[in-house]
């Protein structure tokens, strides 16, 4: 037969007992497991009983600990609002990581950050310049469309601007300036890189920063014996009242001319 304490406590819910009752059960089991006492005279423990009593003793101890932890919890004060406080685990983790860094590590982080910022700045700057080039290309395309439209109309006595009539006594400088007046194809256009820079330039000149973002109109000529047409800058004093073969380009970044149209009869 099992030990009397086993029969007594096998199905006991120790969590429902009071603290004195649990203490008494622990003392009884301790005496039964000991080498002497009344419990030994009543029944000598065999191996299975000892294991079962140890299991019961541990169950009593666990229930006593759980009861104490439950009782130790403070009662919530009524009417008190719970105040959430941010824990910032990421910031704390970063602060902990920086504690172990040395001077060389901080130097490396500084250089890496500076390089990253510089690369981002270059990317943004390059994108902005590309957008400006697209603006001036659209303006140049509008001027090309006008040249194609008026090529056969310049001989009319009522053609405007009058500085560009054919035949006429005005110069190319006067005709080009008239393009930007009200009613002209370039009215309202500005150099998108800087409004103070000229809209038209005689050439894309690396020695002249103001030529970037401008529209360049060249004249074409076919040298004797040549199969192709060569283009060159138009002198300001060039007569505007004669037939011209034009090429329109845009002075892009790095002073690189971007072709818009060529072989335009004007």
Protein backbone atom coordinates (compact mmCIF):
# COMPACT_ATOMS: atom_id res chain seq x y z
CA UNK A 1 0.00 0.00 0.00
CA UNK A 2 1.21 3.56 -0.63
CA UNK A 3 2.43 5.73 2.21
CA UNK A 4 -0.43 7.44 4.13
CA UNK A 5 0.80 10.88 3.11
CA UNK A 6 0.65 9.84 -0.54
CA UNK A 7 -2.94 8.74 -0.15
CA UNK A 8 -3.74 11.94 1.70
CA UNK A 9 -2.17 14.46 -0.68
CA UNK A 10 -2.20 12.73 -4.08
CA UNK A 11 -5.27 14.69 -5.29
CA UNK A 12 -4.87 17.77 -3.10
CA UNK A 13 -4.95 21.19 -4.74
CA UNK A 14 -2.26 22.86 -2.65
CA UNK A 15 -2.93 26.25 -4.16
CA UNK A 16 -6.30 26.23 -2.36
CA UNK A 17 -4.68 25.58 1.06
CA UNK A 18 -3.72 28.30 3.47
CA UNK A 19 -0.09 29.06 4.22
CA UNK A 20 -0.17 27.21 7.61
CA UNK A 21 -1.75 24.16 5.94
CA UNK A 22 0.93 24.06 3.28
CA UNK A 23 3.65 24.48 5.90
CA UNK A 24 2.21 21.57 7.89
CA UNK A 25 2.09 19.37 4.76
CA UNK A 26 5.71 20.22 3.99
CA UNK A 27 6.80 19.35 7.52
CA UNK A 28 4.99 15.99 7.38
CA UNK A 29 6.56 15.07 4.07
CA UNK A 30 9.98 16.19 5.31
CA UNK A 31 9.71 13.90 8.35
CA UNK A 32 8.54 11.03 6.13
CA UNK A 33 11.52 11.47 3.86
CA UNK A 34 13.92 11.79 6.83
CA UNK A 35 15.80 9.00 8.56
CA UNK A 36 13.74 9.02 11.75
CA UNK A 37 10.49 10.10 13.32
CA UNK A 38 7.06 8.61 13.81
CA UNK A 39 6.41 8.39 10.08
CA UNK A 40 9.27 5.92 9.67
CA UNK A 41 8.04 3.66 12.47
CA UNK A 42 4.61 3.61 10.92
CA UNK A 43 5.82 2.62 7.45
CA UNK A 44 9.25 2.18 5.90
CA UNK A 45 9.57 4.06 2.60
CA UNK A 46 10.27 2.09 -0.53
CA UNK A 47 11.72 3.59 -3.70
CA UNK A 48 8.40 4.40 -5.42
CA UNK A 49 6.93 6.02 -2.29
CA UNK A 50 10.01 8.19 -1.90
CA UNK A 51 9.73 9.41 -5.49
CA UNK A 52 6.01 10.14 -5.12
CA UNK A 53 6.57 12.01 -1.83
CA UNK A 54 9.28 14.07 -3.46
CA UNK A 55 6.86 14.94 -6.28
CA UNK A 56 4.22 16.00 -3.75
CA UNK A 57 6.78 17.98 -1.75
CA UNK A 58 7.81 19.89 -4.90
CA UNK A 59 4.16 20.54 -5.76
CA UNK A 60 3.60 22.02 -2.29
CA UNK A 61 6.68 24.22 -2.65
CA UNK A 62 5.62 25.46 -6.10
CA UNK A 63 2.12 26.29 -4.91
CA UNK A 64 3.57 28.14 -1.92
CA UNK A 65 5.80 30.21 -4.24
CA UNK A 66 2.97 30.99 -6.65
CA UNK A 67 0.74 32.04 -3.79
CA UNK A 68 3.42 34.31 -2.38
CA UNK A 69 4.08 35.93 -5.78
CA UNK A 70 0.38 36.45 -6.32
CA UNK A 71 -0.02 37.97 -2.88
CA UNK A 72 2.98 40.22 -3.38
CA UNK A 73 1.41 42.03 -6.30
CA UNK A 74 0.28 45.47 -5.20
CA UNK A 75 -3.36 46.33 -5.57
CA UNK A 76 -4.13 48.70 -8.36
CA UNK A 77 -5.14 52.10 -7.15
CA UNK A 78 -8.61 53.00 -8.26
CA UNK A 79 -9.05 56.05 -10.45
CA UNK A 80 -5.36 56.20 -11.42
CA UNK A 81 -4.72 56.37 -15.13
CA UNK A 82 -2.02 54.26 -16.70
CA UNK A 83 0.71 56.53 -18.05
CA UNK A 84 2.51 55.06 -21.07
CA UNK A 85 6.15 55.90 -21.24
CA UNK A 86 8.14 55.42 -24.45
CA UNK A 87 10.94 52.90 -24.09
CA UNK A 88 12.94 53.79 -27.26
CA UNK A 89 14.54 50.33 -27.60
CA UNK A 90 16.24 51.21 -30.89
CA UNK A 91 17.82 54.36 -29.47
CA UNK A 92 19.01 52.48 -26.41
CA UNK A 93 20.49 49.76 -28.61
CA UNK A 94 22.31 52.37 -30.74
CA UNK A 95 23.62 54.11 -27.64
CA UNK A 96 24.92 50.78 -26.37
CA UNK A 97 26.60 50.07 -29.69
CA UNK A 98 28.33 53.46 -29.73
CA UNK A 99 29.77 52.95 -26.26
CA UNK A 100 32.22 50.36 -27.55
CA UNK A 101 33.49 52.48 -30.48
CA UNK A 102 36.97 53.94 -30.56
CA UNK A 103 38.31 57.12 -32.13
CA UNK A 104 39.14 55.39 -35.43
CA UNK A 105 35.60 54.01 -35.59
CA UNK A 106 34.11 57.48 -35.17
CA UNK A 107 36.44 58.79 -37.88
CA UNK A 108 35.31 56.08 -40.27
CA UNK A 109 31.63 56.80 -39.54
CA UNK A 110 32.20 60.51 -40.12
CA UNK A 111 33.91 59.93 -43.49
CA UNK A 112 31.25 57.41 -44.59
CA UNK A 113 28.46 59.84 -43.67
CA UNK A 114 30.16 62.74 -45.46
CA UNK A 115 30.65 60.66 -48.63
CA UNK A 116 27.01 59.51 -48.55
CA UNK A 117 25.74 63.09 -48.19
CA UNK A 118 28.01 64.24 -51.04
CA UNK A 119 26.80 61.45 -53.34
CA UNK A 120 23.17 62.30 -52.57
CA UNK A 121 23.86 65.98 -53.28
CA UNK A 122 25.47 65.13 -56.64
CA UNK A 123 22.51 62.94 -57.56
CA UNK A 124 19.98 65.67 -56.75
CA UNK A 125 22.07 68.30 -58.57
CA UNK A 126 22.41 66.10 -61.66
CA UNK A 127 18.67 65.45 -61.74
CA UNK A 128 17.89 69.18 -61.47
CA UNK A 129 20.29 70.01 -64.32
CA UNK A 130 18.75 67.29 -66.49
CA UNK A 131 15.31 68.81 -65.92
CA UNK A 132 16.64 72.26 -66.90
CA UNK A 133 18.11 70.86 -70.11
CA UNK A 134 14.72 69.34 -70.97
CA UNK A 135 13.11 72.77 -70.51
CA UNK A 136 15.52 74.54 -72.89
CA UNK A 137 15.20 71.67 -75.41
CA UNK A 138 11.43 72.17 -75.51
CA UNK A 139 11.97 75.91 -76.06
CA UNK A 140 14.42 75.18 -78.89
CA UNK A 141 11.93 72.78 -80.48
CA UNK A 142 9.31 75.56 -80.45
CA UNK A 143 11.74 77.88 -82.27
CA UNK A 144 12.50 75.11 -84.80
CA UNK A 145 8.76 74.70 -85.46
CA UNK A 146 8.50 78.47 -86.06
CA UNK A 147 11.46 78.47 -88.49
CA UNK A 148 9.88 75.65 -90.48
CA UNK A 149 6.57 77.49 -90.58
CA UNK A 150 7.86 80.89 -91.72
CA UNK A 151 10.55 79.75 -94.14
CA UNK A 152 8.39 80.62 -97.17
CA UNK A 153 6.61 83.61 -95.57
CA UNK A 154 9.58 85.90 -94.91
CA UNK A 155 9.20 87.51 -98.35
CA UNK A 156 5.75 88.90 -97.44
CA UNK A 157 5.71 92.66 -96.87
CA UNK A 158 3.64 92.17 -93.70
CA UNK A 159 5.88 89.49 -92.18
CA UNK A 160 6.69 89.96 -88.51
CA UNK A 161 9.09 90.46 -86.99
CA UNK A 162 10.13 92.94 -89.66
CA UNK A 163 13.80 92.55 -88.70
CA UNK A 164 13.70 89.03 -90.16
CA UNK A 165 11.99 89.84 -93.50
CA UNK A 166 13.53 88.75 -96.78
CA UNK A 167 14.91 90.76 -98.42
CA UNK A 168 15.89 93.28 -95.75
CA UNK A 169 18.71 95.48 -94.57
CA UNK A 170 18.80 94.35 -90.95
CA UNK A 171 21.42 92.15 -89.32
CA UNK A 172 21.16 88.72 -87.75
CA UNK A 173 21.66 90.34 -84.32
CA UNK A 174 18.52 92.48 -84.83
CA UNK A 175 16.52 89.50 -86.12
CA UNK A 176 17.56 87.28 -83.21
CA UNK A 177 16.66 89.98 -80.67
CA UNK A 178 13.24 90.40 -82.33
CA UNK A 179 12.48 86.71 -81.71
CA UNK A 180 12.20 87.42 -77.97
CA UNK A 181 9.84 90.38 -78.31
CA UNK A 182 6.11 90.04 -77.75
CA UNK A 183 4.65 88.05 -80.61
CA UNK A 184 7.98 86.41 -81.39
CA UNK A 185 8.54 82.62 -81.05
CA UNK A 186 10.92 83.10 -78.08
CA UNK A 187 8.76 85.58 -76.14
CA UNK A 188 8.75 84.72 -72.43
CA UNK A 189 11.56 82.16 -72.70
CA UNK A 190 14.44 82.36 -70.22
CA UNK A 191 17.65 80.44 -69.68
CA UNK A 192 16.49 77.78 -67.17
CA UNK A 193 19.93 77.59 -65.49
CA UNK A 194 19.92 81.30 -64.65
CA UNK A 195 17.41 83.92 -65.79
CA UNK A 196 20.22 86.47 -66.04
CA UNK A 197 22.06 84.38 -68.65
CA UNK A 198 21.27 84.95 -72.34
CA UNK A 199 18.70 82.74 -74.02
CA UNK A 200 20.72 82.74 -77.27
CA UNK A 201 24.49 82.27 -77.51
CA UNK A 202 26.70 82.41 -80.61
CA UNK A 203 28.27 79.07 -79.60
CA UNK A 204 28.59 76.59 -76.75
CA UNK A 205 31.76 78.09 -75.29
CA UNK A 206 33.67 76.34 -72.50
CA UNK A 207 35.26 79.68 -71.59
CA UNK A 208 31.84 81.28 -71.09
CA UNK A 209 29.75 79.70 -68.31
CA UNK A 210 26.72 81.78 -69.35
CA UNK A 211 26.41 79.75 -72.56
CA UNK A 212 25.24 76.66 -70.61
CA UNK A 213 21.48 76.28 -71.01
CA UNK A 214 21.32 78.61 -74.03
CA UNK A 215 20.06 78.02 -77.57
CA UNK A 216 22.66 78.15 -80.34
CA UNK A 217 21.67 78.86 -83.98
CA UNK A 218 24.37 78.13 -86.55
CA UNK A 219 24.43 78.76 -90.30
CA UNK A 220 25.24 76.03 -92.77
CA UNK A 221 27.23 76.06 -95.95
CA UNK A 222 28.31 73.42 -98.41
CA UNK A 223 31.94 73.90 -99.36
CA UNK A 224 32.86 73.42 -102.99
CA UNK A 225 33.44 69.77 -103.70
CA UNK A 226 32.15 68.63 -100.30
CA UNK A 227 29.29 66.18 -99.96
CA UNK A 228 28.16 67.35 -96.51
CA UNK A 229 27.10 70.66 -95.03
CA UNK A 230 29.32 72.30 -92.44
CA UNK A 231 27.94 74.64 -89.79
CA UNK A 232 29.52 77.61 -88.05
CA UNK A 233 28.49 80.44 -85.73
CA UNK A 234 26.49 83.29 -87.28
CA UNK A 235 28.22 86.65 -86.97
CA UNK A 236 26.03 89.37 -85.46
CA UNK A 237 26.61 91.50 -88.55
CA UNK A 238 25.39 88.75 -90.89
CA UNK A 239 22.57 90.11 -93.13
CA UNK A 240 19.24 88.66 -92.01
CA UNK A 241 17.44 89.38 -95.29
CA UNK A 242 19.07 86.59 -97.26
CA UNK A 243 18.27 82.90 -97.42
CA UNK A 244 19.95 80.93 -94.64
CA UNK A 245 20.38 77.25 -93.83
CA UNK A 246 20.19 76.88 -90.05
CA UNK A 247 20.99 74.35 -87.35
CA UNK A 248 19.60 74.63 -83.80
CA UNK A 249 21.41 73.12 -80.81
CA UNK A 250 21.29 73.47 -77.04
CA UNK A 251 24.39 74.02 -74.91
CA UNK A 252 24.14 71.28 -72.30
CA UNK A 253 26.08 70.38 -69.18
CA UNK A 254 29.81 70.16 -69.67
CA UNK A 255 29.41 72.54 -72.65
CA UNK A 256 28.22 69.64 -74.77
CA UNK A 257 26.04 70.77 -77.71
CA UNK A 258 22.78 68.85 -78.00
CA UNK A 259 21.36 68.74 -81.51
CA UNK A 260 17.70 69.72 -81.90
CA UNK A 261 17.33 70.15 -85.69
CA UNK A 262 19.44 70.85 -88.77
CA UNK A 263 19.08 71.73 -92.46
CA UNK A 264 16.39 74.31 -91.71
CA UNK A 265 15.66 76.62 -94.64
CA UNK A 266 15.10 80.18 -93.40
